[in-house]
PDB file of N, CA and C in Angstrom:
ATOM      1  N   MET A   1      62.079 125.036  91.831  1.00  0.00           N
ATOM      2  CA  MET A   1      61.760 124.853  93.230  1.00  0.00           C
ATOM      3  C   MET A   1      61.931 123.390  93.593  1.00  0.00           C
ATOM      4  N   ASP A   2      62.771 123.132  94.561  1.00  0.00           N
ATOM      5  CA  ASP A   2      63.016 121.768  95.021  1.00  0.00           C
ATOM      6  C   ASP A   2      62.062 121.430  96.151  1.00  0.00           C
ATOM      7  N   ASP A   3      61.571 120.218  96.101  1.00  0.00           N
ATOM      8  CA  ASP A   3      60.733 119.727  97.184  1.00  0.00           C
ATOM      9  C   ASP A   3      61.637 119.033  98.189  1.00  0.00           C
ATOM     10  N   HIS A   4      61.794 119.617  99.367  1.00  0.00           N
ATOM     11  CA  HIS A   4      62.717 119.087 100.364  1.00  0.00           C
ATOM     12  C   HIS A   4      62.244 117.760 100.947  1.00  0.00           C
ATOM     13  N   ASP A   5      60.971 117.422 100.773  1.00  0.00           N
ATOM     14  CA  ASP A   5      60.471 116.161 101.313  1.00  0.00           C
ATOM     15  C   ASP A   5      60.907 114.962 100.480  1.00  0.00           C
ATOM     16  N   THR A   6      61.277 115.186  99.236  1.00  0.00           N
ATOM     17  CA  THR A   6      61.641 114.067  98.369  1.00  0.00           C
ATOM     18  C   THR A   6      63.142 113.965  98.121  1.00  0.00           C
ATOM     19  N   GLN A   7      63.945 114.824  98.743  1.00  0.00           N
ATOM     20  CA  GLN A   7      65.391 114.750  98.549  1.00  0.00           C
ATOM     21  C   GLN A   7      65.953 113.568  99.322  1.00  0.00           C
ATOM     22  N   ILE A   8      66.903 112.883  98.716  1.00  0.00           N
ATOM     23  CA  ILE A   8      67.544 111.732  99.347  1.00  0.00           C
ATOM     24  C   ILE A   8      68.737 112.223 100.163  1.00  0.00           C
ATOM     25  N   VAL A   9      68.771 111.818 101.401  1.00  0.00           N
ATOM     26  CA  VAL A   9      69.874 112.210 102.272  1.00  0.00           C
ATOM     27  C   VAL A   9      71.084 111.343 101.920  1.00  0.00           C
ATOM     28  N   MET A  10      72.234 111.970 101.687  1.00  0.00           N
ATOM     29  CA  MET A  10      73.420 111.239 101.261  1.00  0.00           C
ATOM     30  C   MET A  10      74.408 111.012 102.406  1.00  0.00           C
ATOM     31  N   GLY A  11      74.219 111.659 103.548  1.00  0.00           N
ATOM     32  CA  GLY A  11      75.243 111.615 104.575  1.00  0.00           C
ATOM     33  C   GLY A  11      74.868 110.863 105.831  1.00  0.00           C
ATOM     34  N   LEU A  12      74.134 109.777 105.740  1.00  0.00           N
ATOM     35  CA  LEU A  12      73.753 109.049 106.942  1.00  0.00           C
ATOM     36  C   LEU A  12      74.928 108.337 107.584  1.00  0.00           C
ATOM     37  N   LYS A  13      75.891 107.919 106.798  1.00  0.00           N
ATOM     38  CA  LYS A  13      77.027 107.179 107.339  1.00  0.00           C
ATOM     39  C   LYS A  13      78.278 108.039 107.433  1.00  0.00           C
ATOM     40  N   ASP A  14      78.110 109.344 107.494  1.00  0.00           N
ATOM     41  CA  ASP A  14      79.254 110.221 107.693  1.00  0.00           C
ATOM     42  C   ASP A  14      79.833 109.994 109.079  1.00  0.00           C
ATOM     43  N   PRO A  15      81.151 110.109 109.232  1.00  0.00           N
ATOM     44  CA  PRO A  15      81.740 109.922 110.567  1.00  0.00           C
ATOM     45  C   PRO A  15      81.319 111.047 111.504  1.00  0.00           C
ATOM     46  N   TRP A  16      81.351 110.770 112.800  1.00  0.00           N
ATOM     47  CA  TRP A  16      81.019 111.787 113.800  1.00  0.00           C
ATOM     48  C   TRP A  16      82.012 112.925 113.698  1.00  0.00           C
ATOM     49  N   LYS A  17      81.542 114.110 113.978  1.00  0.00           N
ATOM     50  CA  LYS A  17      82.375 115.307 113.886  1.00  0.00           C
ATOM     51  C   LYS A  17      82.430 116.005 115.234  1.00  0.00           C
ATOM     52  N   PHE A  18      83.565 116.629 115.507  1.00  0.00           N
ATOM     53  CA  PHE A  18      83.698 117.568 116.611  1.00  0.00           C
ATOM     54  C   PHE A  18      84.043 118.895 115.968  1.00  0.00           C
ATOM     55  N   LEU A  19      83.096 119.825 115.970  1.00  0.00           N
ATOM     56  CA  LEU A  19      83.159 121.071 115.224  1.00  0.00           C
ATOM     57  C   LEU A  19      83.307 120.729 113.741  1.00  0.00           C
ATOM     58  N   PHE A  20      84.454 120.869 113.131  1.00  0.00           N
ATOM     59  CA  PHE A  20      84.631 120.561 111.714  1.00  0.00           C
ATOM     60  C   PHE A  20      85.616 119.419 111.481  1.00  0.00           C
ATOM     61  N   VAL A  21      86.063 118.767 112.548  1.00  0.00           N
ATOM     62  CA  VAL A  21      87.079 117.720 112.459  1.00  0.00           C
ATOM     63  C   VAL A  21      86.434 116.371 112.747  1.00  0.00           C
ATOM     64  N   ASP A  22      86.876 115.322 112.038  1.00  0.00           N
ATOM     65  CA  ASP A  22      86.385 113.974 112.340  1.00  0.00           C
ATOM     66  C   ASP A  22      86.730 113.626 113.779  1.00  0.00           C
ATOM     67  N   MET A  23      85.844 112.849 114.403  1.00  0.00           N
ATOM     68  CA  MET A  23      85.981 112.589 115.838  1.00  0.00           C
ATOM     69  C   MET A  23      87.265 111.813 116.178  1.00  0.00           C
ATOM     70  N   ASP A  24      87.686 110.860 115.335  1.00  0.00           N
ATOM     71  CA  ASP A  24      88.896 110.103 115.665  1.00  0.00           C
ATOM     72  C   ASP A  24      90.139 110.983 115.620  1.00  0.00           C
ATOM     73  N   ILE A  25      90.189 111.913 114.678  1.00  0.00           N
ATOM     74  CA  ILE A  25      91.322 112.834 114.604  1.00  0.00           C
ATOM     75  C   ILE A  25      91.301 113.786 115.797  1.00  0.00           C
ATOM     76  N   ALA A  26      90.120 114.265 116.158  1.00  0.00           N
ATOM     77  CA  ALA A  26      90.005 115.180 117.294  1.00  0.00           C
ATOM     78  C   ALA A  26      90.408 114.494 118.598  1.00  0.00           C
ATOM     79  N   MET A  27      90.009 113.236 118.771  1.00  0.00           N
ATOM     80  CA  MET A  27      90.360 112.527 120.005  1.00  0.00           C
ATOM     81  C   MET A  27      91.862 112.231 120.073  1.00  0.00           C
ATOM     82  N   ALA A  28      92.462 111.855 118.954  1.00  0.00           N
ATOM     83  CA  ALA A  28      93.904 111.598 118.950  1.00  0.00           C
ATOM     84  C   ALA A  28      94.683 112.871 119.243  1.00  0.00           C
ATOM     85  N   ALA A  29      94.275 113.985 118.638  1.00  0.00           N
ATOM     86  CA  ALA A  29      94.952 115.255 118.887  1.00  0.00           C
ATOM     87  C   ALA A  29      94.758 115.705 120.330  1.00  0.00           C
ATOM     88  N   ALA A  30      93.555 115.489 120.882  1.00  0.00           N
ATOM     89  CA  ALA A  30      93.301 115.880 122.274  1.00  0.00           C
ATOM     90  C   ALA A  30      94.113 115.023 123.244  1.00  0.00           C
ATOM     91  N   CYS A  31      94.208 113.732 122.973  1.00  0.00           N
ATOM     92  CA  CYS A  31      95.014 112.862 123.852  1.00  0.00           C
ATOM     93  C   CYS A  31      96.489 113.238 123.801  1.00  0.00           C
ATOM     94  N   PHE A  32      96.974 113.535 122.606  1.00  0.00           N
ATOM     95  CA  PHE A  32      98.370 113.948 122.473  1.00  0.00           C
ATOM     96  C   PHE A  32      98.597 115.286 123.180  1.00  0.00           C
ATOM     97  N   GLY A  33      97.657 116.216 123.013  1.00  0.00           N
ATOM     98  CA  GLY A  33      97.772 117.504 123.688  1.00  0.00           C
ATOM     99  C   GLY A  33      97.724 117.358 125.197  1.00  0.00           C
ATOM    100  N   PHE A  34      96.861 116.468 125.701  1.00  0.00           N
ATOM    101  CA  PHE A  34      96.797 116.241 127.145  1.00  0.00           C
ATOM    102  C   PHE A  34      98.095 115.630 127.661  1.00  0.00           C
ATOM    103  N   ALA A  35      98.678 114.729 126.879  1.00  0.00           N
ATOM    104  CA  ALA A  35      99.954 114.140 127.283  1.00  0.00           C
ATOM    105  C   ALA A  35     101.040 115.209 127.356  1.00  0.00           C
ATOM    106  N   LEU A  36     101.046 116.124 126.397  1.00  0.00           N
ATOM    107  CA  LEU A  36     102.019 117.221 126.439  1.00  0.00           C
ATOM    108  C   LEU A  36     101.752 118.148 127.611  1.00  0.00           C
ATOM    109  N   LEU A  37     100.471 118.357 127.920  1.00  0.00           N
ATOM    110  CA  LEU A  37     100.115 119.242 129.025  1.00  0.00           C
ATOM    111  C   LEU A  37     100.537 118.659 130.366  1.00  0.00           C
ATOM    112  N   THR A  38     100.429 117.337 130.510  1.00  0.00           N
ATOM    113  CA  THR A  38     100.838 116.718 131.771  1.00  0.00           C
ATOM    114  C   THR A  38     102.362 116.718 131.933  1.00  0.00           C
ATOM    115  N   MET A  39     103.088 116.905 130.839  1.00  0.00           N
ATOM    116  CA  MET A  39     104.543 117.026 130.934  1.00  0.00           C
ATOM    117  C   MET A  39     104.973 118.409 131.407  1.00  0.00           C
ATOM    118  N   GLY A  40     104.024 119.317 131.500  1.00  0.00           N
ATOM    119  CA  GLY A  40     104.344 120.650 131.994  1.00  0.00           C
ATOM    120  C   GLY A  40     104.768 121.623 130.908  1.00  0.00           C
ATOM    121  N   LEU A  41     104.477 121.328 129.673  1.00  0.00           N
ATOM    122  CA  LEU A  41     104.847 122.238 128.587  1.00  0.00           C
ATOM    123  C   LEU A  41     103.877 123.419 128.538  1.00  0.00           C
ATOM    124  N   PRO A  42     104.314 124.544 127.997  1.00  0.00           N
ATOM    125  CA  PRO A  42     103.428 125.706 127.919  1.00  0.00           C
ATOM    126  C   PRO A  42     102.258 125.459 126.950  1.00  0.00           C
ATOM    127  N   THR A  43     101.179 126.183 127.161  1.00  0.00           N
ATOM    128  CA  THR A  43      99.950 125.987 126.397  1.00  0.00           C
ATOM    129  C   THR A  43     100.142 126.175 124.891  1.00  0.00           C
ATOM    130  N   PRO A  44     100.880 127.179 124.407  1.00  0.00           N
ATOM    131  CA  PRO A  44     101.064 127.289 122.953  1.00  0.00           C
ATOM    132  C   PRO A  44     101.743 126.056 122.338  1.00  0.00           C
ATOM    133  N   VAL A  45     102.664 125.447 123.059  1.00  0.00           N
ATOM    134  CA  VAL A  45     103.320 124.231 122.564  1.00  0.00           C
ATOM    135  C   VAL A  45     102.318 123.080 122.513  1.00  0.00           C
ATOM    136  N   VAL A  46     101.449 123.001 123.527  1.00  0.00           N
ATOM    137  CA  VAL A  46     100.427 121.945 123.569  1.00  0.00           C
ATOM    138  C   VAL A  46      99.458 122.091 122.408  1.00  0.00           C
ATOM    139  N   VAL A  47      98.996 123.312 122.153  1.00  0.00           N
ATOM    140  CA  VAL A  47      98.057 123.555 121.057  1.00  0.00           C
ATOM    141  C   VAL A  47      98.720 123.268 119.717  1.00  0.00           C
ATOM    142  N   ALA A  48      99.964 123.693 119.556  1.00  0.00           N
ATOM    143  CA  ALA A  48     100.679 123.442 118.300  1.00  0.00           C
ATOM    144  C   ALA A  48     100.910 121.945 118.092  1.00  0.00           C
ATOM    145  N   GLY A  49     101.242 121.226 119.172  1.00  0.00           N
ATOM    146  CA  GLY A  49     101.471 119.783 119.056  1.00  0.00           C
ATOM    147  C   GLY A  49     100.201 119.036 118.685  1.00  0.00           C
ATOM    148  N   GLY A  50      99.095 119.361 119.350  1.00  0.00           N
ATOM    149  CA  GLY A  50      97.819 118.722 119.012  1.00  0.00           C
ATOM    150  C   GLY A  50      97.367 119.065 117.605  1.00  0.00           C
ATOM    151  N   GLY A  51      97.541 120.310 117.212  1.00  0.00           N
ATOM    152  CA  GLY A  51      97.182 120.715 115.848  1.00  0.00           C
ATOM    153  C   GLY A  51      98.030 120.018 114.801  1.00  0.00           C
ATOM    154  N   THR A  52      99.307 119.834 115.097  1.00  0.00           N
ATOM    155  CA  THR A  52     100.192 119.141 114.163  1.00  0.00           C
ATOM    156  C   THR A  52      99.796 117.677 114.015  1.00  0.00           C
ATOM    157  N   VAL A  53      99.473 117.027 115.122  1.00  0.00           N
ATOM    158  CA  VAL A  53      99.040 115.620 115.059  1.00  0.00           C
ATOM    159  C   VAL A  53      97.759 115.500 114.241  1.00  0.00           C
ATOM    160  N   GLY A  54      96.809 116.407 114.479  1.00  0.00           N
ATOM    161  CA  GLY A  54      95.564 116.386 113.721  1.00  0.00           C
ATOM    162  C   GLY A  54      95.786 116.634 112.236  1.00  0.00           C
ATOM    163  N   TYR A  55      96.648 117.575 111.913  1.00  0.00           N
ATOM    164  CA  TYR A  55      96.936 117.891 110.512  1.00  0.00           C
ATOM    165  C   TYR A  55      97.601 116.707 109.807  1.00  0.00           C
ATOM    166  N   VAL A  56      98.577 116.094 110.471  1.00  0.00           N
ATOM    167  CA  VAL A  56      99.281 114.957 109.873  1.00  0.00           C
ATOM    168  C   VAL A  56      98.322 113.775 109.674  1.00  0.00           C
ATOM    169  N   MET A  57      97.471 113.517 110.658  1.00  0.00           N
ATOM    170  CA  MET A  57      96.505 112.419 110.515  1.00  0.00           C
ATOM    171  C   MET A  57      95.523 112.695 109.379  1.00  0.00           C
ATOM    172  N   HIS A  58      95.091 113.944 109.260  1.00  0.00           N
ATOM    173  CA  HIS A  58      94.150 114.297 108.197  1.00  0.00           C
ATOM    174  C   HIS A  58      94.789 114.143 106.819  1.00  0.00           C
ATOM    175  N   LYS A  59      96.013 114.582 106.666  1.00  0.00           N
ATOM    176  CA  LYS A  59      96.695 114.472 105.378  1.00  0.00           C
ATOM    177  C   LYS A  59      97.049 113.019 105.054  1.00  0.00           C
ATOM    178  N   ALA A  60      97.389 112.226 106.070  1.00  0.00           N
ATOM    179  CA  ALA A  60      97.744 110.829 105.827  1.00  0.00           C
ATOM    180  C   ALA A  60      96.519 110.008 105.452  1.00  0.00           C
ATOM    181  N   ARG A  61      95.356 110.426 105.887  1.00  0.00           N
ATOM    182  CA  ARG A  61      94.139 109.666 105.623  1.00  0.00           C
ATOM    183  C   ARG A  61      93.498 110.021 104.289  1.00  0.00           C
ATOM    184  N   LYS A  62      93.930 111.062 103.661  1.00  0.00           N
ATOM    185  CA  LYS A  62      93.324 111.496 102.405  1.00  0.00           C
ATOM    186  C   LYS A  62      93.538 110.429 101.320  1.00  0.00           C
ATOM    187  N   GLY A  63      92.460 110.004 100.696  1.00  0.00           N
ATOM    188  CA  GLY A  63      92.531 109.002  99.642  1.00  0.00           C
ATOM    189  C   GLY A  63      92.513 107.571 100.146  1.00  0.00           C
ATOM    190  N   LYS A  64      92.442 107.368 101.449  1.00  0.00           N
ATOM    191  CA  LYS A  64      92.409 106.024 102.021  1.00  0.00           C
ATOM    192  C   LYS A  64      90.960 105.639 102.317  1.00  0.00           C
ATOM    193  N   PRO A  65      90.660 104.357 102.362  1.00  0.00           N
ATOM    194  CA  PRO A  65      89.281 103.954 102.659  1.00  0.00           C
ATOM    195  C   PRO A  65      88.909 104.209 104.116  1.00  0.00           C
ATOM    196  N   ARG A  66      87.610 104.139 104.384  1.00  0.00           N
ATOM    197  CA  ARG A  66      87.129 104.340 105.744  1.00  0.00           C
ATOM    198  C   ARG A  66      87.619 103.195 106.637  1.00  0.00           C
ATOM    199  N   GLY A  67      88.070 103.512 107.829  1.00  0.00           N
ATOM    200  CA  GLY A  67      88.578 102.501 108.737  1.00  0.00           C
ATOM    201  C   GLY A  67      90.033 102.153 108.517  1.00  0.00           C
ATOM    202  N   TYR A  68      90.761 102.967 107.779  1.00  0.00           N
ATOM    203  CA  TYR A  68      92.157 102.675 107.470  1.00  0.00           C
ATOM    204  C   TYR A  68      93.025 102.681 108.729  1.00  0.00           C
ATOM    205  N   ALA A  69      92.745 103.607 109.645  1.00  0.00           N
ATOM    206  CA  ALA A  69      93.525 103.656 110.885  1.00  0.00           C
ATOM    207  C   ALA A  69      93.280 102.408 111.734  1.00  0.00           C
ATOM    208  N   THR A  70      92.072 101.879 111.689  1.00  0.00           N
ATOM    209  CA  THR A  70      91.778 100.643 112.416  1.00  0.00           C
ATOM    210  C   THR A  70      92.572  99.479 111.837  1.00  0.00           C
ATOM    211  N   HIS A  71      92.685  99.432 110.534  1.00  0.00           N
ATOM    212  CA  HIS A  71      93.477  98.373 109.898  1.00  0.00           C
ATOM    213  C   HIS A  71      94.955  98.494 110.270  1.00  0.00           C
ATOM    214  N   LEU A  72      95.467  99.720 110.308  1.00  0.00           N
ATOM    215  CA  LEU A  72      96.861  99.912 110.717  1.00  0.00           C
ATOM    216  C   LEU A  72      97.067  99.481 112.165  1.00  0.00           C
ATOM    217  N   ALA A  73      96.104  99.810 113.025  1.00  0.00           N
ATOM    218  CA  ALA A  73      96.214  99.401 114.427  1.00  0.00           C
ATOM    219  C   ALA A  73      96.191  97.880 114.542  1.00  0.00           C
ATOM    220  N   TYR A  74      95.382  97.228 113.719  1.00  0.00           N
ATOM    221  CA  TYR A  74      95.301  95.766 113.759  1.00  0.00           C
ATOM    222  C   TYR A  74      96.632  95.128 113.377  1.00  0.00           C
ATOM    223  N   TRP A  75      97.278  95.638 112.345  1.00  0.00           N
ATOM    224  CA  TRP A  75      98.483  94.993 111.835  1.00  0.00           C
ATOM    225  C   TRP A  75      99.744  95.383 112.582  1.00  0.00           C
ATOM    226  N   TYR A  76      99.818  96.587 113.137  1.00  0.00           N
ATOM    227  CA  TYR A  76     101.084  97.056 113.685  1.00  0.00           C
ATOM    228  C   TYR A  76     101.138  97.170 115.197  1.00  0.00           C
ATOM    229  N   LEU A  77     100.001  97.179 115.884  1.00  0.00           N
ATOM    230  CA  LEU A  77     100.035  97.242 117.340  1.00  0.00           C
ATOM    231  C   LEU A  77      99.989  95.842 117.925  1.00  0.00           C
ATOM    232  N   PRO A  78     100.572  95.646 119.103  1.00  0.00           N
ATOM    233  CA  PRO A  78     100.509  94.313 119.720  1.00  0.00           C
ATOM    234  C   PRO A  78      99.070  93.973 120.129  1.00  0.00           C
ATOM    235  N   PRO A  79      98.767  92.690 120.285  1.00  0.00           N
ATOM    236  CA  PRO A  79      97.387  92.294 120.589  1.00  0.00           C
ATOM    237  C   PRO A  79      96.857  92.862 121.904  1.00  0.00           C
ATOM    238  N   MET A  80      97.734  93.153 122.866  1.00  0.00           N
ATOM    239  CA  MET A  80      97.254  93.698 124.137  1.00  0.00           C
ATOM    240  C   MET A  80      96.772  95.137 123.989  1.00  0.00           C
ATOM    241  N   VAL A  81      97.317  95.878 123.021  1.00  0.00           N
ATOM    242  CA  VAL A  81      96.935  97.273 122.846  1.00  0.00           C
ATOM    243  C   VAL A  81      95.639  97.384 122.050  1.00  0.00           C
ATOM    244  N   SER A  82      95.552  96.685 120.946  1.00  0.00           N
ATOM    245  CA  SER A  82      94.329  96.728 120.145  1.00  0.00           C
ATOM    246  C   SER A  82      93.420  95.580 120.561  1.00  0.00           C
ATOM    247  N   ARG A  83      92.160  95.885 120.753  1.00  0.00           N
ATOM    248  CA  ARG A  83      91.214  94.882 121.222  1.00  0.00           C
ATOM    249  C   ARG A  83      90.561  94.148 120.063  1.00  0.00           C
ATOM    250  N   LEU A  84      91.156  94.209 118.914  1.00  0.00           N
ATOM    251  CA  LEU A  84      90.609  93.527 117.750  1.00  0.00           C
ATOM    252  C   LEU A  84      90.969  92.046 117.795  1.00  0.00           C
ATOM    253  N   GLN A  85      90.083  91.220 117.301  1.00  0.00           N
ATOM    254  CA  GLN A  85      90.308  89.778 117.330  1.00  0.00           C
ATOM    255  C   GLN A  85      91.338  89.401 116.269  1.00  0.00           C
ATOM    256  N   ARG A  86      92.288  88.605 116.666  1.00  0.00           N
ATOM    257  CA  ARG A  86      93.362  88.201 115.766  1.00  0.00           C
ATOM    258  C   ARG A  86      92.952  86.990 114.933  1.00  0.00           C
ATOM    259  N   VAL A  87      93.704  86.752 113.897  1.00  0.00           N
ATOM    260  CA  VAL A  87      93.477  85.597 113.038  1.00  0.00           C
ATOM    261  C   VAL A  87      93.883  84.344 113.809  1.00  0.00           C
ATOM    262  N   PRO A  88      93.084  83.267 113.737  1.00  0.00           N
ATOM    263  CA  PRO A  88      93.462  82.063 114.477  1.00  0.00           C
ATOM    264  C   PRO A  88      94.721  81.436 113.882  1.00  0.00           C
ATOM    265  N   PRO A  89      95.416  80.616 114.658  1.00  0.00           N
ATOM    266  CA  PRO A  89      96.602  79.958 114.125  1.00  0.00           C
ATOM    267  C   PRO A  89      96.259  79.060 112.938  1.00  0.00           C
ATOM    268  N   ASN A  90      97.221  78.833 112.113  1.00  0.00           N
ATOM    269  CA  ASN A  90      96.990  78.084 110.884  1.00  0.00           C
ATOM    270  C   ASN A  90      96.512  76.658 111.158  1.00  0.00           C
ATOM    271  N   TRP A  91      96.984  76.045 112.223  1.00  0.00           N
ATOM    272  CA  TRP A  91      96.618  74.663 112.495  1.00  0.00           C
ATOM    273  C   TRP A  91      95.177  74.528 112.981  1.00  0.00           C
ATOM    274  N   SER A  92      94.563  75.601 113.462  1.00  0.00           N
ATOM    275  CA  SER A  92      93.195  75.496 113.985  1.00  0.00           C
ATOM    276  C   SER A  92      92.130  75.949 113.006  1.00  0.00           C
ATOM    277  N   SER A  93      92.530  76.411 111.838  1.00  0.00           N
ATOM    278  CA  SER A  93      91.518  76.879 110.871  1.00  0.00           C
ATOM    279  C   SER A  93      90.991  75.705 110.061  1.00  0.00           C
ATOM    280  N   ARG A  94      89.766  75.817 109.643  1.00  0.00           N
ATOM    281  CA  ARG A  94      89.130  74.759 108.846  1.00  0.00           C
ATOM    282  C   ARG A  94      89.085  75.175 107.392  1.00  0.00           C
ATOM    283  N   THR A  95      89.217  74.229 106.537  1.00  0.00           N
ATOM    284  CA  THR A  95      89.134  74.475 105.108  1.00  0.00           C
ATOM    285  C   THR A  95      87.688  74.249 104.667  1.00  0.00           C
ATOM    286  N   VAL A  96      87.149  75.228 103.978  1.00  0.00           N
ATOM    287  CA  VAL A  96      85.785  75.113 103.489  1.00  0.00           C
ATOM    288  C   VAL A  96      85.848  74.703 102.022  1.00  0.00           C
ATOM    289  N   GLY A  97      85.080  73.697 101.660  1.00  0.00           N
ATOM    290  CA  GLY A  97      85.026  73.329 100.256  1.00  0.00           C
ATOM    291  C   GLY A  97      85.432  71.997  99.982  1.00  0.00           C
TER     292      GLY A  97
END
């Protein structure tokens, strides 16, 4: 008999979920599906496109650390698209030590 009052919760830092999908994957698939829907494509194509984006993102993220997509956005998107702070220029950095 396990005492439920003394069990340690292991999932406090789990990512947010929408049904059974991580929230970032669900939002990316929904945005892609909405973009397809505004193009006037039929609903089965929209659902298949959003599902494909979600599946590809899920498979690409397997085995990667948490926040991997944020790191990719930092390195590959222009500064106007990602609101992440960039590294200062080399001439303005200070040497510690």
